Amino acid sequence: MIYPSIDKLMHLADSKYSLVVAASKRARRIQDGADKLVQVPTNKNVTVALNEISDEKVRFVRTKDGIK
């Protein structure tokens, strides 16, 4: 089973596209040296980013210019 589940994540986002963009931006920040906000048993940055979004440690806002 994939954790976090897509069902839980979709309650936090308006579309799958927004979720992918937010997770990729956060994963890049982690790659560049940002602190991880959750403890997970993996070092994969995308998985860490999705867990942070799922735990609502990271939020994102959709604007006309993109996702912030």
PDB file of N, CA and C in Angstrom:
ATOM      1  N   MET A   1       0.834  -1.179   0.000  1.00  0.00           N
ATOM      2  CA  MET A   1       0.000   0.000   0.000  1.00  0.00           C
ATOM      3  C   MET A   1       0.886   1.252   0.000  1.00  0.00           C
ATOM      4  N   ILE A   2       0.467   2.222  -0.752  1.00  0.00           N
ATOM      5  CA  ILE A   2       1.208   3.478  -0.841  1.00  0.00           C
ATOM      6  C   ILE A   2       0.750   4.397   0.288  1.00  0.00           C
ATOM      7  N   TYR A   3       1.718   4.965   0.991  1.00  0.00           N
ATOM      8  CA  TYR A   3       1.392   5.919   2.042  1.00  0.00           C
ATOM      9  C   TYR A   3       2.136   7.204   1.748  1.00  0.00           C
ATOM     10  N   PRO A   4       1.522   8.323   1.847  1.00  0.00           N
ATOM     11  CA  PRO A   4       0.127   8.570   2.190  1.00  0.00           C
ATOM     12  C   PRO A   4      -0.792   8.240   1.018  1.00  0.00           C
ATOM     13  N   SER A   5      -2.023   7.913   1.319  1.00  0.00           N
ATOM     14  CA  SER A   5      -2.951   7.515   0.270  1.00  0.00           C
ATOM     15  C   SER A   5      -3.370   8.730  -0.559  1.00  0.00           C
ATOM     16  N   ILE A   6      -3.666   8.469  -1.812  1.00  0.00           N
ATOM     17  CA  ILE A   6      -4.080   9.551  -2.716  1.00  0.00           C
ATOM     18  C   ILE A   6      -5.404  10.150  -2.253  1.00  0.00           C
ATOM     19  N   ASP A   7      -6.251   9.343  -1.620  1.00  0.00           N
ATOM     20  CA  ASP A   7      -7.537   9.861  -1.138  1.00  0.00           C
ATOM     21  C   ASP A   7      -7.337  10.948  -0.085  1.00  0.00           C
ATOM     22  N   LYS A   8      -6.418  10.714   0.845  1.00  0.00           N
ATOM     23  CA  LYS A   8      -6.156  11.713   1.884  1.00  0.00           C
ATOM     24  C   LYS A   8      -5.519  12.970   1.280  1.00  0.00           C
ATOM     25  N   LEU A   9      -4.627  12.768   0.341  1.00  0.00           N
ATOM     26  CA  LEU A   9      -3.957  13.904  -0.281  1.00  0.00           C
ATOM     27  C   LEU A   9      -4.909  14.746  -1.118  1.00  0.00           C
ATOM     28  N   MET A  10      -5.865  14.116  -1.770  1.00  0.00           N
ATOM     29  CA  MET A  10      -6.793  14.857  -2.619  1.00  0.00           C
ATOM     30  C   MET A  10      -7.750  15.730  -1.813  1.00  0.00           C
ATOM     31  N   HIS A  11      -7.927  15.434  -0.533  1.00  0.00           N
ATOM     32  CA  HIS A  11      -8.736  16.312   0.324  1.00  0.00           C
ATOM     33  C   HIS A  11      -8.001  17.627   0.612  1.00  0.00           C
ATOM     34  N   LEU A  12      -6.699  17.619   0.409  1.00  0.00           N
ATOM     35  CA  LEU A  12      -5.884  18.805   0.689  1.00  0.00           C
ATOM     36  C   LEU A  12      -5.575  19.625  -0.564  1.00  0.00           C
ATOM     37  N   ALA A  13      -5.913  19.095  -1.738  1.00  0.00           N
ATOM     38  CA  ALA A  13      -5.594  19.768  -2.992  1.00  0.00           C
ATOM     39  C   ALA A  13      -6.833  19.858  -3.870  1.00  0.00           C
ATOM     40  N   ASP A  14      -6.825  20.833  -4.773  1.00  0.00           N
ATOM     41  CA  ASP A  14      -7.969  20.971  -5.665  1.00  0.00           C
ATOM     42  C   ASP A  14      -7.852  20.102  -6.914  1.00  0.00           C
ATOM     43  N   SER A  15      -6.639  19.626  -7.213  1.00  0.00           N
ATOM     44  CA  SER A  15      -6.454  18.736  -8.354  1.00  0.00           C
ATOM     45  C   SER A  15      -5.163  17.946  -8.176  1.00  0.00           C
ATOM     46  N   LYS A  16      -5.048  16.871  -8.930  1.00  0.00           N
ATOM     47  CA  LYS A  16      -3.816  16.075  -8.883  1.00  0.00           C
ATOM     48  C   LYS A  16      -2.635  16.884  -9.404  1.00  0.00           C
ATOM     49  N   TYR A  17      -2.904  17.745 -10.381  1.00  0.00           N
ATOM     50  CA  TYR A  17      -1.842  18.584 -10.926  1.00  0.00           C
ATOM     51  C   TYR A  17      -1.258  19.489  -9.843  1.00  0.00           C
ATOM     52  N   SER A  18      -2.106  20.139  -9.081  1.00  0.00           N
ATOM     53  CA  SER A  18      -1.647  21.022  -8.005  1.00  0.00           C
ATOM     54  C   SER A  18      -0.830  20.239  -6.980  1.00  0.00           C
ATOM     55  N   LEU A  19      -1.276  19.047  -6.673  1.00  0.00           N
ATOM     56  CA  LEU A  19      -0.577  18.201  -5.713  1.00  0.00           C
ATOM     57  C   LEU A  19       0.813  17.823  -6.221  1.00  0.00           C
ATOM     58  N   VAL A  20       0.915  17.454  -7.483  1.00  0.00           N
ATOM     59  CA  VAL A  20       2.211  17.084  -8.071  1.00  0.00           C
ATOM     60  C   VAL A  20       3.158  18.263  -8.082  1.00  0.00           C
ATOM     61  N   VAL A  21       2.668  19.434  -8.465  1.00  0.00           N
ATOM     62  CA  VAL A  21       3.522  20.626  -8.512  1.00  0.00           C
ATOM     63  C   VAL A  21       4.001  20.996  -7.104  1.00  0.00           C
ATOM     64  N   ALA A  22       3.095  20.965  -6.128  1.00  0.00           N
ATOM     65  CA  ALA A  22       3.466  21.308  -4.755  1.00  0.00           C
ATOM     66  C   ALA A  22       4.492  20.312  -4.202  1.00  0.00           C
ATOM     67  N   ALA A  23       4.278  19.037  -4.442  1.00  0.00           N
ATOM     68  CA  ALA A  23       5.212  18.017  -3.950  1.00  0.00           C
ATOM     69  C   ALA A  23       6.575  18.154  -4.620  1.00  0.00           C
ATOM     70  N   SER A  24       6.595  18.445  -5.913  1.00  0.00           N
ATOM     71  CA  SER A  24       7.884  18.572  -6.593  1.00  0.00           C
ATOM     72  C   SER A  24       8.647  19.806  -6.130  1.00  0.00           C
ATOM     73  N   LYS A  25       7.935  20.913  -5.893  1.00  0.00           N
ATOM     74  CA  LYS A  25       8.605  22.116  -5.382  1.00  0.00           C
ATOM     75  C   LYS A  25       9.187  21.869  -3.995  1.00  0.00           C
ATOM     76  N   ARG A  26       8.423  21.192  -3.144  1.00  0.00           N
ATOM     77  CA  ARG A  26       8.917  20.900  -1.795  1.00  0.00           C
ATOM     78  C   ARG A  26      10.088  19.922  -1.852  1.00  0.00           C
ATOM     79  N   ALA A  27      10.003  18.917  -2.722  1.00  0.00           N
ATOM     80  CA  ALA A  27      11.095  17.949  -2.855  1.00  0.00           C
ATOM     81  C   ALA A  27      12.383  18.630  -3.312  1.00  0.00           C
ATOM     82  N   ARG A  28      12.267  19.601  -4.207  1.00  0.00           N
ATOM     83  CA  ARG A  28      13.452  20.344  -4.649  1.00  0.00           C
ATOM     84  C   ARG A  28      14.046  21.171  -3.517  1.00  0.00           C
ATOM     85  N   ARG A  29      13.192  21.743  -2.679  1.00  0.00           N
ATOM     86  CA  ARG A  29      13.703  22.504  -1.529  1.00  0.00           C
ATOM     87  C   ARG A  29      14.444  21.583  -0.564  1.00  0.00           C
ATOM     88  N   ILE A  30      13.904  20.396  -0.354  1.00  0.00           N
ATOM     89  CA  ILE A  30      14.580  19.422   0.508  1.00  0.00           C
ATOM     90  C   ILE A  30      15.918  19.034  -0.115  1.00  0.00           C
ATOM     91  N   GLN A  31      15.929  18.812  -1.432  1.00  0.00           N
ATOM     92  CA  GLN A  31      17.158  18.470  -2.142  1.00  0.00           C
ATOM     93  C   GLN A  31      18.202  19.574  -1.993  1.00  0.00           C
ATOM     94  N   ASP A  32      17.740  20.821  -1.952  1.00  0.00           N
ATOM     95  CA  ASP A  32      18.652  21.963  -1.833  1.00  0.00           C
ATOM     96  C   ASP A  32      19.091  22.233  -0.396  1.00  0.00           C
ATOM     97  N   GLY A  33      18.599  21.440   0.566  1.00  0.00           N
ATOM     98  CA  GLY A  33      19.083  21.564   1.932  1.00  0.00           C
ATOM     99  C   GLY A  33      18.069  21.978   2.973  1.00  0.00           C
ATOM    100  N   ALA A  34      16.806  22.131   2.613  1.00  0.00           N
ATOM    101  CA  ALA A  34      15.786  22.501   3.602  1.00  0.00           C
ATOM    102  C   ALA A  34      15.595  21.360   4.604  1.00  0.00           C
ATOM    103  N   ASP A  35      15.238  21.720   5.817  1.00  0.00           N
ATOM    104  CA  ASP A  35      15.002  20.707   6.853  1.00  0.00           C
ATOM    105  C   ASP A  35      13.745  19.913   6.556  1.00  0.00           C
ATOM    106  N   LYS A  36      13.798  18.614   6.852  1.00  0.00           N
ATOM    107  CA  LYS A  36      12.617  17.762   6.721  1.00  0.00           C
ATOM    108  C   LYS A  36      11.724  17.998   7.932  1.00  0.00           C
ATOM    109  N   LEU A  37      10.432  18.134   7.702  1.00  0.00           N
ATOM    110  CA  LEU A  37       9.499  18.458   8.777  1.00  0.00           C
ATOM    111  C   LEU A  37       8.832  17.233   9.379  1.00  0.00           C
ATOM    112  N   VAL A  38       9.046  16.060   8.787  1.00  0.00           N
ATOM    113  CA  VAL A  38       8.492  14.810   9.314  1.00  0.00           C
ATOM    114  C   VAL A  38       9.582  13.744   9.299  1.00  0.00           C
ATOM    115  N   GLN A  39       9.436  12.769  10.153  1.00  0.00           N
ATOM    116  CA  GLN A  39      10.344  11.633  10.197  1.00  0.00           C
ATOM    117  C   GLN A  39       9.690  10.468   9.467  1.00  0.00           C
ATOM    118  N   VAL A  40      10.285  10.034   8.370  1.00  0.00           N
ATOM    119  CA  VAL A  40       9.782   8.897   7.612  1.00  0.00           C
ATOM    120  C   VAL A  40      10.942   7.942   7.347  1.00  0.00           C
ATOM    121  N   PRO A  41      10.639   6.657   7.191  1.00  0.00           N
ATOM    122  CA  PRO A  41      11.723   5.669   7.027  1.00  0.00           C
ATOM    123  C   PRO A  41      12.262   5.586   5.598  1.00  0.00           C
ATOM    124  N   THR A  42      12.404   6.716   4.929  1.00  0.00           N
ATOM    125  CA  THR A  42      12.959   6.754   3.580  1.00  0.00           C
ATOM    126  C   THR A  42      13.722   8.050   3.383  1.00  0.00           C
ATOM    127  N   ASN A  43      14.604   8.036   2.436  1.00  0.00           N
ATOM    128  CA  ASN A  43      15.350   9.250   2.101  1.00  0.00           C
ATOM    129  C   ASN A  43      14.906   9.844   0.783  1.00  0.00           C
ATOM    130  N   LYS A  44      13.846   9.310   0.194  1.00  0.00           N
ATOM    131  CA  LYS A  44      13.355   9.820  -1.078  1.00  0.00           C
ATOM    132  C   LYS A  44      12.615  11.135  -0.839  1.00  0.00           C
ATOM    133  N   ASN A  45      13.077  12.178  -1.490  1.00  0.00           N
ATOM    134  CA  ASN A  45      12.563  13.519  -1.234  1.00  0.00           C
ATOM    135  C   ASN A  45      11.095  13.689  -1.606  1.00  0.00           C
ATOM    136  N   VAL A  46      10.650  13.043  -2.670  1.00  0.00           N
ATOM    137  CA  VAL A  46       9.243  13.164  -3.064  1.00  0.00           C
ATOM    138  C   VAL A  46       8.348  12.509  -2.009  1.00  0.00           C
ATOM    139  N   THR A  47       8.759  11.366  -1.486  1.00  0.00           N
ATOM    140  CA  THR A  47       7.981  10.698  -0.439  1.00  0.00           C
ATOM    141  C   THR A  47       7.928  11.540   0.822  1.00  0.00           C
ATOM    142  N   VAL A  48       9.037  12.156   1.177  1.00  0.00           N
ATOM    143  CA  VAL A  48       9.065  13.044   2.344  1.00  0.00           C
ATOM    144  C   VAL A  48       8.131  14.230   2.108  1.00  0.00           C
ATOM    145  N   ALA A  49       8.180  14.816   0.917  1.00  0.00           N
ATOM    146  CA  ALA A  49       7.321  15.959   0.593  1.00  0.00           C
ATOM    147  C   ALA A  49       5.849  15.581   0.662  1.00  0.00           C
ATOM    148  N   LEU A  50       5.472  14.428   0.123  1.00  0.00           N
ATOM    149  CA  LEU A  50       4.076  13.994   0.174  1.00  0.00           C
ATOM    150  C   LEU A  50       3.624  13.742   1.611  1.00  0.00           C
ATOM    151  N   ASN A  51       4.500  13.205   2.438  1.00  0.00           N
ATOM    152  CA  ASN A  51       4.161  13.001   3.849  1.00  0.00           C
ATOM    153  C   ASN A  51       4.004  14.334   4.571  1.00  0.00           C
ATOM    154  N   GLU A  52       4.823  15.303   4.245  1.00  0.00           N
ATOM    155  CA  GLU A  52       4.690  16.635   4.844  1.00  0.00           C
ATOM    156  C   GLU A  52       3.362  17.279   4.453  1.00  0.00           C
ATOM    157  N   ILE A  53       2.973  17.130   3.198  1.00  0.00           N
ATOM    158  CA  ILE A  53       1.685  17.672   2.749  1.00  0.00           C
ATOM    159  C   ILE A  53       0.544  16.943   3.436  1.00  0.00           C
ATOM    160  N   SER A  54       0.649  15.628   3.538  1.00  0.00           N
ATOM    161  CA  SER A  54      -0.393  14.819   4.172  1.00  0.00           C
ATOM    162  C   SER A  54      -0.579  15.187   5.645  1.00  0.00           C
ATOM    163  N   ASP A  55       0.523  15.445   6.336  1.00  0.00           N
ATOM    164  CA  ASP A  55       0.473  15.818   7.754  1.00  0.00           C
ATOM    165  C   ASP A  55       0.190  17.301   7.953  1.00  0.00           C
ATOM    166  N   GLU A  56      -0.030  18.022   6.857  1.00  0.00           N
ATOM    167  CA  GLU A  56      -0.320  19.451   6.853  1.00  0.00           C
ATOM    168  C   GLU A  56       0.786  20.283   7.493  1.00  0.00           C
ATOM    169  N   LYS A  57       2.020  19.819   7.340  1.00  0.00           N
ATOM    170  CA  LYS A  57       3.187  20.586   7.783  1.00  0.00           C
ATOM    171  C   LYS A  57       3.578  21.595   6.705  1.00  0.00           C
ATOM    172  N   VAL A  58       3.196  21.298   5.465  1.00  0.00           N
ATOM    173  CA  VAL A  58       3.466  22.169   4.331  1.00  0.00           C
ATOM    174  C   VAL A  58       2.134  22.454   3.659  1.00  0.00           C
ATOM    175  N   ARG A  59       1.890  23.716   3.383  1.00  0.00           N
ATOM    176  CA  ARG A  59       0.665  24.114   2.689  1.00  0.00           C
ATOM    177  C   ARG A  59       1.043  24.832   1.411  1.00  0.00           C
ATOM    178  N   PHE A  60       0.135  24.860   0.483  1.00  0.00           N
ATOM    179  CA  PHE A  60       0.384  25.551  -0.767  1.00  0.00           C
ATOM    180  C   PHE A  60      -0.863  26.303  -1.178  1.00  0.00           C
ATOM    181  N   VAL A  61      -0.642  27.368  -1.937  1.00  0.00           N
ATOM    182  CA  VAL A  61      -1.723  28.230  -2.393  1.00  0.00           C
ATOM    183  C   VAL A  61      -1.627  28.334  -3.907  1.00  0.00           C
ATOM    184  N   ARG A  62      -2.731  28.155  -4.576  1.00  0.00           N
ATOM    185  CA  ARG A  62      -2.751  28.284  -6.033  1.00  0.00           C
ATOM    186  C   ARG A  62      -3.087  29.733  -6.376  1.00  0.00           C
ATOM    187  N   THR A  63      -2.215  30.367  -7.173  1.00  0.00           N
ATOM    188  CA  THR A  63      -2.424  31.741  -7.614  1.00  0.00           C
ATOM    189  C   THR A  63      -2.450  31.783  -9.142  1.00  0.00           C
ATOM    190  N   LYS A  64      -2.676  32.973  -9.697  1.00  0.00           N
ATOM    191  CA  LYS A  64      -2.662  33.113 -11.149  1.00  0.00           C
ATOM    192  C   LYS A  64      -1.287  32.808 -11.728  1.00  0.00           C
ATOM    193  N   ASP A  65      -0.231  33.105 -10.971  1.00  0.00           N
ATOM    194  CA  ASP A  65       1.136  32.900 -11.436  1.00  0.00           C
ATOM    195  C   ASP A  65       1.611  31.479 -11.259  1.00  0.00           C
ATOM    196  N   GLY A  66       0.920  30.670 -10.478  1.00  0.00           N
ATOM    197  CA  GLY A  66       1.341  29.298 -10.216  1.00  0.00           C
ATOM    198  C   GLY A  66       1.076  28.937  -8.774  1.00  0.00           C
ATOM    199  N   ILE A  67       1.754  27.925  -8.306  1.00  0.00           N
ATOM    200  CA  ILE A  67       1.589  27.456  -6.937  1.00  0.00           C
ATOM    201  C   ILE A  67       2.710  28.009  -6.081  1.00  0.00           C
ATOM    202  N   LYS A  68       2.357  28.597  -4.961  1.00  0.00           N
ATOM    203  CA  LYS A  68       3.337  29.188  -4.041  1.00  0.00           C
ATOM    204  C   LYS A  68       3.427  28.355  -2.785  1.00  0.00           C
TER     205      LYS A  68
END
